[in-house]
Amino acid sequence: MDYTTAHEIVKTTILREFPFMYAFSTQFALIKSYGIASGTKLLVQTRRLTTESKVGKRSEDTGVLLGELLVSGIDSPRGLVALSKMNWIHNQYGSKIGNDELIHTLALFILEPPRWIDAYEWRPLTEIERVALFTYWKEIGNRMGMRDIPDTLAALQRWTADYQAENMRYAETNRMCVTATLNLFVRPLPGFLQPAGKSIMACFLESHVRPTLGLQDPPKLLEAAVGSVFHVRAFCIRHFFLPRFREMNVLGKERAGGKIVRESYMFEPWYVPAGVLDYIRRRVFGVRQVPGPEWMSEGYLPEELGPVEFKLRCKDAVLAEAEEMRKYAEKGGAGVIGCPFRYAA
């Protein structure tokens, strides 16, 4: 299977078959990656994940970037620029991000969604769907300059298990990153419900992972209740819901001038156009988190995603790499000509 064929299968998997569970599982794949202390140490140093005013934008940008890579595709104009921007951001930290750390995060994006889907969805993934996820994400990893990515899905599973056994340990920086992320998840809840919300979130992580993140095991009854809700959902979807006849639209729409606006958001209204109702909510009722200029309601260009301070100075370099990557893709990508891209010196 080549990565272009894999992309078509991946799109069907995440836009028709399991859109909710795929998106949900990738959120927790990121949380699980915080069990590696060498990675969380850098995240804490940058303060982009542990600062309340920045964590929302980082999460929204991550979702937008993944959407461009997985749905637009890494050979599309938007996907090329989005992946080049992600490479540029990683390049700012050079050797502080190890090759194995990147492979581990890549592996979680490949392995966690099938684990969740098999456990909680209306049917398990087929072998073709699993291989497609591996093949497509491996091409993304190649274009990010990762070296020595395992050649098969089974080999990646073994590599990941060995890496976690050796490197997944508790550190205070792990707890800080997880706390900031869970605080973002429960932010919309009243204060007295937020501890319960965090306990529910902990139910979605395996028991051997929680201690590495500084999380306590939730009550067994709560864990069983959460699992039951998902199993009831799966039963209802399998027996009472019609299949989707078209792909879900999760990408933003391009406006004149090339800016892309979103129709929805998860935590903060970045890149969502402001309407009259939003203006009333802001001016009359004092609601802050509604679309407006401070949330870049005019939209985004893929090269502008990421930390605000990088917005202008990276543009030329990102677009130049996107053009190089376009030529590279025309020749067949890593499966044909190897991997010329490296995120670090």
C-alpha atoms as a PDB file:
ATOM      1  CA  MET A   1       0.000   0.000   0.000  1.00  0.00           C
ATOM      2  CA  ASP A   2       1.377   3.436  -0.894  1.00  0.00           C
ATOM      3  CA  TYR A   3       0.617   6.517   1.160  1.00  0.00           C
ATOM      4  CA  THR A   4      -1.790   8.039  -1.396  1.00  0.00           C
ATOM      5  CA  THR A   5      -4.002   4.941  -1.295  1.00  0.00           C
ATOM      6  CA  ALA A   6      -3.641   4.900   2.493  1.00  0.00           C
ATOM      7  CA  HIS A   7      -4.863   8.497   2.652  1.00  0.00           C
ATOM      8  CA  GLU A   8      -8.149   7.637   0.956  1.00  0.00           C
ATOM      9  CA  ILE A   9      -8.749   4.826   3.454  1.00  0.00           C
ATOM     10  CA  VAL A  10      -7.775   7.045   6.396  1.00  0.00           C
ATOM     11  CA  LYS A  11     -10.211   9.752   5.273  1.00  0.00           C
ATOM     12  CA  THR A  12     -13.062   7.253   5.143  1.00  0.00           C
ATOM     13  CA  THR A  13     -12.124   5.900   8.568  1.00  0.00           C
ATOM     14  CA  ILE A  14     -12.051   9.279  10.287  1.00  0.00           C
ATOM     15  CA  LEU A  15     -14.732  11.180   8.348  1.00  0.00           C
ATOM     16  CA  ARG A  16     -17.386   8.487   7.832  1.00  0.00           C
ATOM     17  CA  GLU A  17     -16.842   5.564  10.185  1.00  0.00           C
ATOM     18  CA  PHE A  18     -15.433   6.862  13.484  1.00  0.00           C
ATOM     19  CA  PRO A  19     -15.107  10.675  13.493  1.00  0.00           C
ATOM     20  CA  PHE A  20     -15.858  11.182  17.196  1.00  0.00           C
ATOM     21  CA  MET A  21     -13.704   8.367  18.521  1.00  0.00           C
ATOM     22  CA  TYR A  22     -10.776   9.178  16.250  1.00  0.00           C
ATOM     23  CA  ALA A  23     -10.723  12.828  17.333  1.00  0.00           C
ATOM     24  CA  PHE A  24     -11.188  11.894  20.997  1.00  0.00           C
ATOM     25  CA  SER A  25      -8.432   9.272  20.923  1.00  0.00           C
ATOM     26  CA  THR A  26      -5.894  11.642  19.366  1.00  0.00           C
ATOM     27  CA  GLN A  27      -6.497  14.087  22.229  1.00  0.00           C
ATOM     28  CA  PHE A  28      -5.591  11.378  24.705  1.00  0.00           C
ATOM     29  CA  ALA A  29      -2.692  10.172  22.576  1.00  0.00           C
ATOM     30  CA  LEU A  30      -1.167  13.607  23.191  1.00  0.00           C
ATOM     31  CA  ILE A  31      -1.881  13.372  26.910  1.00  0.00           C
ATOM     32  CA  LYS A  32      -0.277   9.936  26.996  1.00  0.00           C
ATOM     33  CA  SER A  33       2.832  11.374  25.347  1.00  0.00           C
ATOM     34  CA  TYR A  34       3.310  13.496  28.480  1.00  0.00           C
ATOM     35  CA  GLY A  35       4.504  10.361  30.268  1.00  0.00           C
ATOM     36  CA  ILE A  36       7.963  10.949  28.739  1.00  0.00           C
ATOM     37  CA  ALA A  37       9.827  13.385  30.968  1.00  0.00           C
ATOM     38  CA  SER A  38      12.374  14.514  28.379  1.00  0.00           C
ATOM     39  CA  GLY A  39       9.522  15.861  26.262  1.00  0.00           C
ATOM     40  CA  THR A  40       7.564  17.529  29.054  1.00  0.00           C
ATOM     41  CA  LYS A  41      10.694  19.259  30.322  1.00  0.00           C
ATOM     42  CA  LEU A  42      10.918  21.181  27.046  1.00  0.00           C
ATOM     43  CA  LEU A  43       7.177  21.900  27.018  1.00  0.00           C
ATOM     44  CA  VAL A  44       7.399  23.403  30.500  1.00  0.00           C
ATOM     45  CA  GLN A  45      10.426  25.489  29.509  1.00  0.00           C
ATOM     46  CA  THR A  46       8.563  26.998  26.531  1.00  0.00           C
ATOM     47  CA  ARG A  47       5.537  27.742  28.789  1.00  0.00           C
ATOM     48  CA  ARG A  48       3.180  27.314  25.826  1.00  0.00           C
ATOM     49  CA  LEU A  49       1.386  24.377  27.361  1.00  0.00           C
ATOM     50  CA  THR A  50       1.453  25.294  31.041  1.00  0.00           C
ATOM     51  CA  THR A  51       0.438  28.967  30.658  1.00  0.00           C
ATOM     52  CA  GLU A  52      -3.360  29.300  30.787  1.00  0.00           C
ATOM     53  CA  SER A  53      -3.445  32.117  28.242  1.00  0.00           C
ATOM     54  CA  LYS A  54      -1.500  30.023  25.687  1.00  0.00           C
ATOM     55  CA  VAL A  55      -2.675  26.438  26.163  1.00  0.00           C
ATOM     56  CA  GLY A  56      -5.976  27.015  24.365  1.00  0.00           C
ATOM     57  CA  LYS A  57      -4.385  28.333  21.186  1.00  0.00           C
ATOM     58  CA  ARG A  58      -1.827  25.543  21.211  1.00  0.00           C
ATOM     59  CA  SER A  59      -4.604  22.959  21.406  1.00  0.00           C
ATOM     60  CA  GLU A  60      -6.677  24.614  18.675  1.00  0.00           C
ATOM     61  CA  ASP A  61      -3.640  24.947  16.400  1.00  0.00           C
ATOM     62  CA  THR A  62      -2.785  21.284  16.947  1.00  0.00           C
ATOM     63  CA  GLY A  63      -6.306  20.320  15.879  1.00  0.00           C
ATOM     64  CA  VAL A  64      -6.140  22.538  12.789  1.00  0.00           C
ATOM     65  CA  LEU A  65      -2.725  21.172  11.778  1.00  0.00           C
ATOM     66  CA  LEU A  66      -3.898  17.567  12.160  1.00  0.00           C
ATOM     67  CA  GLY A  67      -6.983  18.365  10.111  1.00  0.00           C
ATOM     68  CA  GLU A  68      -4.899  19.802   7.302  1.00  0.00           C
ATOM     69  CA  LEU A  69      -2.538  16.800   7.325  1.00  0.00           C
ATOM     70  CA  LEU A  70      -5.196  14.089   7.612  1.00  0.00           C
ATOM     71  CA  VAL A  71      -8.051  15.555   5.583  1.00  0.00           C
ATOM     72  CA  SER A  72      -6.551  18.042   3.125  1.00  0.00           C
ATOM     73  CA  GLY A  73      -3.649  15.618   2.694  1.00  0.00           C
ATOM     74  CA  ILE A  74       0.098  16.104   2.808  1.00  0.00           C
ATOM     75  CA  ASP A  75       0.299  16.608  -0.957  1.00  0.00           C
ATOM     76  CA  SER A  76      -2.392  19.313  -1.049  1.00  0.00           C
ATOM     77  CA  PRO A  77      -1.306  22.970  -1.088  1.00  0.00           C
ATOM     78  CA  ARG A  78      -2.657  23.511   2.428  1.00  0.00           C
ATOM     79  CA  GLY A  79      -1.258  20.232   3.740  1.00  0.00           C
ATOM     80  CA  LEU A  80       2.191  20.929   2.308  1.00  0.00           C
ATOM     81  CA  VAL A  81       2.372  24.297   4.062  1.00  0.00           C
ATOM     82  CA  ALA A  82       0.930  22.941   7.330  1.00  0.00           C
ATOM     83  CA  LEU A  83       3.515  20.154   7.503  1.00  0.00           C
ATOM     84  CA  SER A  84       6.304  22.568   6.576  1.00  0.00           C
ATOM     85  CA  LYS A  85       5.174  24.896   9.384  1.00  0.00           C
ATOM     86  CA  MET A  86       5.214  22.007  11.851  1.00  0.00           C
ATOM     87  CA  ASN A  87       8.764  21.161  10.739  1.00  0.00           C
ATOM     88  CA  TRP A  88       9.814  24.804  11.131  1.00  0.00           C
ATOM     89  CA  ILE A  89       8.462  24.963  14.695  1.00  0.00           C
ATOM     90  CA  HIS A  90      10.295  21.767  15.668  1.00  0.00           C
ATOM     91  CA  ASN A  91      13.447  23.108  14.078  1.00  0.00           C
ATOM     92  CA  GLN A  92      13.459  26.019  16.536  1.00  0.00           C
ATOM     93  CA  TYR A  93      14.295  23.566  19.323  1.00  0.00           C
ATOM     94  CA  GLY A  94      16.967  21.640  17.429  1.00  0.00           C
ATOM     95  CA  SER A  95      18.477  18.702  19.285  1.00  0.00           C
ATOM     96  CA  LYS A  96      16.271  19.322  22.345  1.00  0.00           C
ATOM     97  CA  ILE A  97      13.673  17.102  20.636  1.00  0.00           C
ATOM     98  CA  GLY A  98      15.102  13.620  20.234  1.00  0.00           C
ATOM     99  CA  ASN A  99      14.394  11.379  17.275  1.00  0.00           C
ATOM    100  CA  ASP A 100      12.982   8.647  19.510  1.00  0.00           C
ATOM    101  CA  GLU A 101      10.667  11.124  21.240  1.00  0.00           C
ATOM    102  CA  LEU A 102       9.200  12.082  17.878  1.00  0.00           C
ATOM    103  CA  ILE A 103       8.802   8.454  16.815  1.00  0.00           C
ATOM    104  CA  HIS A 104       7.038   7.707  20.103  1.00  0.00           C
ATOM    105  CA  THR A 105       4.531  10.541  19.580  1.00  0.00           C
ATOM    106  CA  LEU A 106       4.018   9.395  15.993  1.00  0.00           C
ATOM    107  CA  ALA A 107       3.444   5.852  17.255  1.00  0.00           C
ATOM    108  CA  LEU A 108       0.758   7.056  19.662  1.00  0.00           C
ATOM    109  CA  PHE A 109      -1.117   8.719  16.782  1.00  0.00           C
ATOM    110  CA  ILE A 110      -0.930   5.405  14.926  1.00  0.00           C
ATOM    111  CA  LEU A 111      -1.665   2.989  17.788  1.00  0.00           C
ATOM    112  CA  GLU A 112      -4.057   4.800  20.121  1.00  0.00           C
ATOM    113  CA  PRO A 113      -7.019   5.333  17.736  1.00  0.00           C
ATOM    114  CA  PRO A 114      -7.249   1.594  16.875  1.00  0.00           C
ATOM    115  CA  ARG A 115      -7.064   0.712  20.574  1.00  0.00           C
ATOM    116  CA  TRP A 116      -9.924   3.081  21.379  1.00  0.00           C
ATOM    117  CA  ILE A 117     -12.011   2.109  18.365  1.00  0.00           C
ATOM    118  CA  ASP A 118     -11.634  -1.615  19.082  1.00  0.00           C
ATOM    119  CA  ALA A 119     -12.646  -1.070  22.705  1.00  0.00           C
ATOM    120  CA  TYR A 120     -15.503   1.421  22.361  1.00  0.00           C
ATOM    121  CA  GLU A 121     -16.846   1.653  18.804  1.00  0.00           C
ATOM    122  CA  TRP A 122     -19.610  -0.194  16.965  1.00  0.00           C
ATOM    123  CA  ARG A 123     -17.049  -2.380  15.143  1.00  0.00           C
ATOM    124  CA  PRO A 124     -13.287  -2.947  15.302  1.00  0.00           C
ATOM    125  CA  LEU A 125     -10.948  -1.662  12.625  1.00  0.00           C
ATOM    126  CA  THR A 126     -10.102  -3.941   9.739  1.00  0.00           C
ATOM    127  CA  GLU A 127      -6.489  -4.891   9.065  1.00  0.00           C
ATOM    128  CA  ILE A 128      -6.521  -2.722   5.937  1.00  0.00           C
ATOM    129  CA  GLU A 129      -7.596   0.296   7.991  1.00  0.00           C
ATOM    130  CA  ARG A 130      -4.840  -0.341  10.535  1.00  0.00           C
ATOM    131  CA  VAL A 131      -2.180  -0.635   7.855  1.00  0.00           C
ATOM    132  CA  ALA A 132      -3.489   2.503   6.134  1.00  0.00           C
ATOM    133  CA  LEU A 133      -3.116   4.521   9.346  1.00  0.00           C
ATOM    134  CA  PHE A 134       0.428   3.216   9.765  1.00  0.00           C
ATOM    135  CA  THR A 135       1.397   3.831   6.130  1.00  0.00           C
ATOM    136  CA  TYR A 136       0.059   7.374   5.995  1.00  0.00           C
ATOM    137  CA  TRP A 137       1.461   8.474   9.352  1.00  0.00           C
ATOM    138  CA  LYS A 138       4.815   6.886   8.497  1.00  0.00           C
ATOM    139  CA  GLU A 139       5.004   9.103   5.412  1.00  0.00           C
ATOM    140  CA  ILE A 140       4.294  12.117   7.637  1.00  0.00           C
ATOM    141  CA  GLY A 141       7.089  10.984   9.954  1.00  0.00           C
ATOM    142  CA  ASN A 142       9.472  10.617   7.026  1.00  0.00           C
ATOM    143  CA  ARG A 143       8.688  14.154   5.893  1.00  0.00           C
ATOM    144  CA  MET A 144       9.356  15.386   9.398  1.00  0.00           C
ATOM    145  CA  GLY A 145      12.859  13.936   9.168  1.00  0.00           C
ATOM    146  CA  MET A 146      12.381  11.071  11.609  1.00  0.00           C
ATOM    147  CA  ARG A 147      15.021   8.389  11.226  1.00  0.00           C
ATOM    148  CA  ASP A 148      14.670   4.632  11.648  1.00  0.00           C
ATOM    149  CA  ILE A 149      10.879   4.466  11.902  1.00  0.00           C
ATOM    150  CA  PRO A 150       9.994   0.743  12.145  1.00  0.00           C
ATOM    151  CA  ASP A 151       9.012  -0.708   8.775  1.00  0.00           C
ATOM    152  CA  THR A 152       5.846  -2.536   9.816  1.00  0.00           C
ATOM    153  CA  LEU A 153       2.940  -1.981  12.156  1.00  0.00           C
ATOM    154  CA  ALA A 154       3.918  -5.002  14.275  1.00  0.00           C
ATOM    155  CA  ALA A 155       7.491  -3.725  14.546  1.00  0.00           C
ATOM    156  CA  LEU A 156       6.222  -0.298  15.608  1.00  0.00           C
ATOM    157  CA  GLN A 157       4.086  -1.899  18.332  1.00  0.00           C
ATOM    158  CA  ARG A 158       7.123  -3.748  19.697  1.00  0.00           C
ATOM    159  CA  TRP A 159       9.310  -0.643  19.474  1.00  0.00           C
ATOM    160  CA  THR A 160       6.715   1.439  21.336  1.00  0.00           C
ATOM    161  CA  ALA A 161       6.296  -1.112  24.131  1.00  0.00           C
ATOM    162  CA  ASP A 162      10.077  -1.290  24.630  1.00  0.00           C
ATOM    163  CA  TYR A 163      10.462   2.510  24.535  1.00  0.00           C
ATOM    164  CA  GLN A 164       7.708   3.058  27.096  1.00  0.00           C
ATOM    165  CA  ALA A 165       9.069   0.370  29.411  1.00  0.00           C
ATOM    166  CA  GLU A 166      12.421   2.152  29.428  1.00  0.00           C
ATOM    167  CA  ASN A 167      11.372   5.803  29.360  1.00  0.00           C
ATOM    168  CA  MET A 168       7.852   6.252  30.743  1.00  0.00           C
ATOM    169  CA  ARG A 169       8.450   7.470  34.308  1.00  0.00           C
ATOM    170  CA  TYR A 170       6.847  10.064  36.560  1.00  0.00           C
ATOM    171  CA  ALA A 171       8.281  13.567  36.604  1.00  0.00           C
ATOM    172  CA  GLU A 172       6.869  16.796  37.971  1.00  0.00           C
ATOM    173  CA  THR A 173       6.933  18.274  34.464  1.00  0.00           C
ATOM    174  CA  ASN A 174       4.673  15.420  33.317  1.00  0.00           C
ATOM    175  CA  ARG A 175       2.128  16.356  35.978  1.00  0.00           C
ATOM    176  CA  MET A 176       2.303  20.049  35.068  1.00  0.00           C
ATOM    177  CA  CYS A 177       1.564  19.362  31.404  1.00  0.00           C
ATOM    178  CA  VAL A 178      -1.299  16.989  32.184  1.00  0.00           C
ATOM    179  CA  THR A 179      -2.805  19.363  34.739  1.00  0.00           C
ATOM    180  CA  ALA A 180      -2.784  22.247  32.245  1.00  0.00           C
ATOM    181  CA  THR A 181      -4.453  20.063  29.607  1.00  0.00           C
ATOM    182  CA  LEU A 182      -7.133  18.667  31.927  1.00  0.00           C
ATOM    183  CA  ASN A 183      -7.843  22.174  33.222  1.00  0.00           C
ATOM    184  CA  LEU A 184      -8.546  23.157  29.623  1.00  0.00           C
ATOM    185  CA  PHE A 185     -10.931  20.217  29.193  1.00  0.00           C
ATOM    186  CA  VAL A 186     -12.952  21.035  32.314  1.00  0.00           C
ATOM    187  CA  ARG A 187     -12.812  24.834  31.984  1.00  0.00           C
ATOM    188  CA  PRO A 188     -16.471  25.126  30.840  1.00  0.00           C
ATOM    189  CA  LEU A 189     -17.703  23.271  33.952  1.00  0.00           C
ATOM    190  CA  PRO A 190     -18.682  25.024  37.198  1.00  0.00           C
ATOM    191  CA  GLY A 191     -15.839  24.967  39.709  1.00  0.00           C
ATOM    192  CA  PHE A 192     -17.452  22.401  41.970  1.00  0.00           C
ATOM    193  CA  LEU A 193     -17.787  19.931  39.061  1.00  0.00           C
ATOM    194  CA  GLN A 194     -14.240  20.279  37.735  1.00  0.00           C
ATOM    195  CA  PRO A 195     -12.659  17.653  40.055  1.00  0.00           C
ATOM    196  CA  ALA A 196     -15.294  15.140  38.921  1.00  0.00           C
ATOM    197  CA  GLY A 197     -14.573  16.057  35.305  1.00  0.00           C
ATOM    198  CA  LYS A 198     -10.879  15.357  35.819  1.00  0.00           C
ATOM    199  CA  SER A 199     -11.689  11.976  37.373  1.00  0.00           C
ATOM    200  CA  ILE A 200     -13.729  11.114  34.292  1.00  0.00           C
ATOM    201  CA  MET A 201     -10.819  12.133  32.079  1.00  0.00           C
ATOM    202  CA  ALA A 202      -8.524   9.825  34.065  1.00  0.00           C
ATOM    203  CA  CYS A 203     -10.835   6.908  33.215  1.00  0.00           C
ATOM    204  CA  PHE A 204      -9.707   7.180  29.591  1.00  0.00           C
ATOM    205  CA  LEU A 205      -6.061   6.456  30.440  1.00  0.00           C
ATOM    206  CA  GLU A 206      -4.691   3.001  31.189  1.00  0.00           C
ATOM    207  CA  SER A 207      -3.956   2.201  34.827  1.00  0.00           C
ATOM    208  CA  HIS A 208      -0.215   1.792  34.200  1.00  0.00           C
ATOM    209  CA  VAL A 209      -0.034   5.220  32.503  1.00  0.00           C
ATOM    210  CA  ARG A 210      -1.778   7.273  35.203  1.00  0.00           C
ATOM    211  CA  PRO A 211       1.080   7.175  37.770  1.00  0.00           C
ATOM    212  CA  THR A 212       3.557   8.475  35.173  1.00  0.00           C
ATOM    213  CA  LEU A 213       1.276  11.499  34.686  1.00  0.00           C
ATOM    214  CA  GLY A 214       0.687  12.165  38.368  1.00  0.00           C
ATOM    215  CA  LEU A 215      -2.942  11.033  38.204  1.00  0.00           C
ATOM    216  CA  GLN A 216      -4.747   8.963  40.781  1.00  0.00           C
ATOM    217  CA  ASP A 217      -6.883   6.013  39.769  1.00  0.00           C
ATOM    218  CA  PRO A 218     -10.561   7.028  39.525  1.00  0.00           C
ATOM    219  CA  PRO A 219     -13.148   5.103  41.559  1.00  0.00           C
ATOM    220  CA  LYS A 220     -13.820   1.667  40.072  1.00  0.00           C
ATOM    221  CA  LEU A 221     -17.534   2.414  39.915  1.00  0.00           C
ATOM    222  CA  LEU A 222     -16.914   5.578  37.906  1.00  0.00           C
ATOM    223  CA  GLU A 223     -14.583   3.752  35.531  1.00  0.00           C
ATOM    224  CA  ALA A 224     -17.212   1.050  34.975  1.00  0.00           C
ATOM    225  CA  ALA A 225     -19.921   3.664  34.418  1.00  0.00           C
ATOM    226  CA  VAL A 226     -17.858   5.525  31.813  1.00  0.00           C
ATOM    227  CA  GLY A 227     -17.125   2.286  29.975  1.00  0.00           C
ATOM    228  CA  SER A 228     -20.805   1.356  30.047  1.00  0.00           C
ATOM    229  CA  VAL A 229     -21.797   4.675  28.467  1.00  0.00           C
ATOM    230  CA  PHE A 230     -19.437   4.016  25.566  1.00  0.00           C
ATOM    231  CA  HIS A 231     -20.680   0.452  25.145  1.00  0.00           C
ATOM    232  CA  VAL A 232     -24.315   1.612  25.071  1.00  0.00           C
ATOM    233  CA  ARG A 233     -23.342   4.229  22.500  1.00  0.00           C
ATOM    234  CA  ALA A 234     -21.656   1.556  20.343  1.00  0.00           C
ATOM    235  CA  PHE A 235     -24.729  -0.712  20.565  1.00  0.00           C
ATOM    236  CA  CYS A 236     -27.067   2.094  19.497  1.00  0.00           C
ATOM    237  CA  ILE A 237     -24.883   3.146  16.576  1.00  0.00           C
ATOM    238  CA  ARG A 238     -24.506  -0.426  15.334  1.00  0.00           C
ATOM    239  CA  HIS A 239     -28.186  -1.319  15.490  1.00  0.00           C
ATOM    240  CA  PHE A 240     -30.182   1.902  15.124  1.00  0.00           C
ATOM    241  CA  PHE A 241     -28.123   4.439  13.170  1.00  0.00           C
ATOM    242  CA  LEU A 242     -27.840   4.709   9.398  1.00  0.00           C
ATOM    243  CA  PRO A 243     -24.342   4.868   7.874  1.00  0.00           C
ATOM    244  CA  ARG A 244     -22.990   8.253   6.847  1.00  0.00           C
ATOM    245  CA  PHE A 245     -23.546   8.795   3.154  1.00  0.00           C
ATOM    246  CA  ARG A 246     -20.960  11.549   2.858  1.00  0.00           C
ATOM    247  CA  GLU A 247     -17.815  12.636   4.637  1.00  0.00           C
ATOM    248  CA  MET A 248     -18.065  15.035   7.538  1.00  0.00           C
ATOM    249  CA  ASN A 249     -16.808  18.530   6.788  1.00  0.00           C
ATOM    250  CA  VAL A 250     -14.155  19.276   9.403  1.00  0.00           C
ATOM    251  CA  LEU A 251     -11.953  21.675   7.451  1.00  0.00           C
ATOM    252  CA  GLY A 252     -12.235  25.431   7.400  1.00  0.00           C
ATOM    253  CA  LYS A 253     -13.477  27.260   4.312  1.00  0.00           C
ATOM    254  CA  GLU A 254     -11.234  29.481   2.245  1.00  0.00           C
ATOM    255  CA  ARG A 255     -12.254  33.089   1.835  1.00  0.00           C
ATOM    256  CA  ALA A 256     -11.168  35.572  -0.789  1.00  0.00           C
ATOM    257  CA  GLY A 257      -7.495  36.252  -0.255  1.00  0.00           C
ATOM    258  CA  GLY A 258      -6.785  32.719   0.913  1.00  0.00           C
ATOM    259  CA  LYS A 259      -7.636  33.047   4.610  1.00  0.00           C
ATOM    260  CA  ILE A 260      -9.312  29.955   6.073  1.00  0.00           C
ATOM    261  CA  VAL A 261     -12.131  30.229   8.630  1.00  0.00           C
ATOM    262  CA  ARG A 262     -13.510  27.485  10.843  1.00  0.00           C
ATOM    263  CA  GLU A 263     -17.144  26.715  11.593  1.00  0.00           C
ATOM    264  CA  SER A 264     -16.533  25.289  15.078  1.00  0.00           C
ATOM    265  CA  TYR A 265     -13.913  24.997  17.794  1.00  0.00           C
ATOM    266  CA  MET A 266     -13.108  22.862  20.820  1.00  0.00           C
ATOM    267  CA  PHE A 267     -11.823  25.151  23.588  1.00  0.00           C
ATOM    268  CA  GLU A 268     -11.359  28.711  22.292  1.00  0.00           C
ATOM    269  CA  PRO A 269     -12.896  30.387  19.199  1.00  0.00           C
ATOM    270  CA  TRP A 270      -9.691  30.810  17.206  1.00  0.00           C
ATOM    271  CA  TYR A 271     -10.216  31.474  13.462  1.00  0.00           C
ATOM    272  CA  VAL A 272     -14.039  31.444  13.713  1.00  0.00           C
ATOM    273  CA  PRO A 273     -15.762  34.417  11.985  1.00  0.00           C
ATOM    274  CA  ALA A 274     -17.675  36.769  14.263  1.00  0.00           C
ATOM    275  CA  GLY A 275     -21.387  37.352  13.718  1.00  0.00           C
ATOM    276  CA  VAL A 276     -23.953  39.824  15.006  1.00  0.00           C
ATOM    277  CA  LEU A 277     -24.931  37.514  17.862  1.00  0.00           C
ATOM    278  CA  ASP A 278     -21.294  37.267  18.920  1.00  0.00           C
ATOM    279  CA  TYR A 279     -21.049  41.056  18.974  1.00  0.00           C
ATOM    280  CA  ILE A 280     -24.141  41.266  21.217  1.00  0.00           C
ATOM    281  CA  ARG A 281     -22.838  38.578  23.574  1.00  0.00           C
ATOM    282  CA  ARG A 282     -19.548  40.433  23.850  1.00  0.00           C
ATOM    283  CA  ARG A 283     -20.802  44.012  24.200  1.00  0.00           C
ATOM    284  CA  VAL A 284     -24.045  43.505  26.088  1.00  0.00           C
ATOM    285  CA  PHE A 285     -23.387  40.441  28.213  1.00  0.00           C
ATOM    286  CA  GLY A 286     -19.596  40.727  28.577  1.00  0.00           C
ATOM    287  CA  VAL A 287     -18.901  37.202  27.325  1.00  0.00           C
ATOM    288  CA  ARG A 288     -15.219  37.036  26.464  1.00  0.00           C
ATOM    289  CA  GLN A 289     -14.811  33.734  24.658  1.00  0.00           C
ATOM    290  CA  VAL A 290     -16.791  34.530  21.526  1.00  0.00           C
ATOM    291  CA  PRO A 291     -15.322  35.010  18.038  1.00  0.00           C
ATOM    292  CA  GLY A 292     -13.644  38.371  17.604  1.00  0.00           C
ATOM    293  CA  PRO A 293     -10.433  40.056  16.450  1.00  0.00           C
ATOM    294  CA  GLU A 294      -8.345  38.794  19.392  1.00  0.00           C
ATOM    295  CA  TRP A 295      -9.135  35.240  18.251  1.00  0.00           C
ATOM    296  CA  MET A 296      -8.095  36.005  14.638  1.00  0.00           C
ATOM    297  CA  SER A 297     -11.700  35.800  13.440  1.00  0.00           C
ATOM    298  CA  GLU A 298     -10.533  36.847   9.970  1.00  0.00           C
ATOM    299  CA  GLY A 299      -9.084  33.338   9.587  1.00  0.00           C
ATOM    300  CA  TYR A 300      -5.652  31.793   9.204  1.00  0.00           C
ATOM    301  CA  LEU A 301      -3.106  30.842   6.605  1.00  0.00           C
ATOM    302  CA  PRO A 302      -1.420  27.474   7.301  1.00  0.00           C
ATOM    303  CA  GLU A 303       1.973  29.172   7.549  1.00  0.00           C
ATOM    304  CA  GLU A 304       0.595  31.406  10.349  1.00  0.00           C
ATOM    305  CA  LEU A 305      -0.412  28.583  12.685  1.00  0.00           C
ATOM    306  CA  GLY A 306       1.481  28.080  15.917  1.00  0.00           C
ATOM    307  CA  PRO A 307       2.975  30.577  18.390  1.00  0.00           C
ATOM    308  CA  VAL A 308       2.059  34.174  17.539  1.00  0.00           C
ATOM    309  CA  GLU A 309       5.653  35.358  17.847  1.00  0.00           C
ATOM    310  CA  PHE A 310       6.629  33.067  14.949  1.00  0.00           C
ATOM    311  CA  LYS A 311       3.833  34.284  12.666  1.00  0.00           C
ATOM    312  CA  LEU A 312       5.788  36.630  10.410  1.00  0.00           C
ATOM    313  CA  ARG A 313       9.435  35.600  10.597  1.00  0.00           C
ATOM    314  CA  CYS A 314       8.838  32.014   9.488  1.00  0.00           C
ATOM    315  CA  LYS A 315       6.701  32.647   6.410  1.00  0.00           C
ATOM    316  CA  ASP A 316       9.358  32.632   3.679  1.00  0.00           C
ATOM    317  CA  ALA A 317      11.174  29.583   5.071  1.00  0.00           C
ATOM    318  CA  VAL A 318       7.923  27.630   5.456  1.00  0.00           C
ATOM    319  CA  LEU A 319       6.728  28.367   1.930  1.00  0.00           C
ATOM    320  CA  ALA A 320      10.167  27.483   0.527  1.00  0.00           C
ATOM    321  CA  GLU A 321      10.117  24.091   2.272  1.00  0.00           C
ATOM    322  CA  ALA A 322       6.547  23.489   1.104  1.00  0.00           C
ATOM    323  CA  GLU A 323       7.722  23.971  -2.486  1.00  0.00           C
ATOM    324  CA  GLU A 324      10.613  21.549  -1.944  1.00  0.00           C
ATOM    325  CA  MET A 325       8.207  19.051  -0.440  1.00  0.00           C
ATOM    326  CA  ARG A 326       5.845  19.431  -3.397  1.00  0.00           C
ATOM    327  CA  LYS A 327       8.635  18.452  -5.794  1.00  0.00           C
ATOM    328  CA  TYR A 328       9.596  15.589  -3.494  1.00  0.00           C
ATOM    329  CA  ALA A 329       5.992  14.325  -3.489  1.00  0.00           C
ATOM    330  CA  GLU A 330       5.853  14.442  -7.288  1.00  0.00           C
ATOM    331  CA  LYS A 331       8.737  11.955  -7.339  1.00  0.00           C
ATOM    332  CA  GLY A 332       6.916   9.507  -5.053  1.00  0.00           C
ATOM    333  CA  GLY A 333       7.789  10.568  -1.518  1.00  0.00           C
ATOM    334  CA  ALA A 334       9.916   8.623   0.930  1.00  0.00           C
ATOM    335  CA  GLY A 335       8.781   5.256  -0.395  1.00  0.00           C
ATOM    336  CA  VAL A 336      10.619   5.951  -3.659  1.00  0.00           C
ATOM    337  CA  ILE A 337      13.421   8.445  -3.068  1.00  0.00           C
ATOM    338  CA  GLY A 338      14.099   8.252   0.683  1.00  0.00           C
ATOM    339  CA  CYS A 339      13.767  11.050   3.213  1.00  0.00           C
ATOM    340  CA  PRO A 340      15.501  14.394   2.559  1.00  0.00           C
ATOM    341  CA  PHE A 341      13.717  16.358   5.291  1.00  0.00           C
ATOM    342  CA  ARG A 342      15.119  16.821   8.770  1.00  0.00           C
ATOM    343  CA  TYR A 343      13.521  18.908  11.508  1.00  0.00           C
ATOM    344  CA  ALA A 344      16.806  19.319  13.438  1.00  0.00           C
ATOM    345  CA  ALA A 345      20.420  19.986  12.649  1.00  0.00           C
END
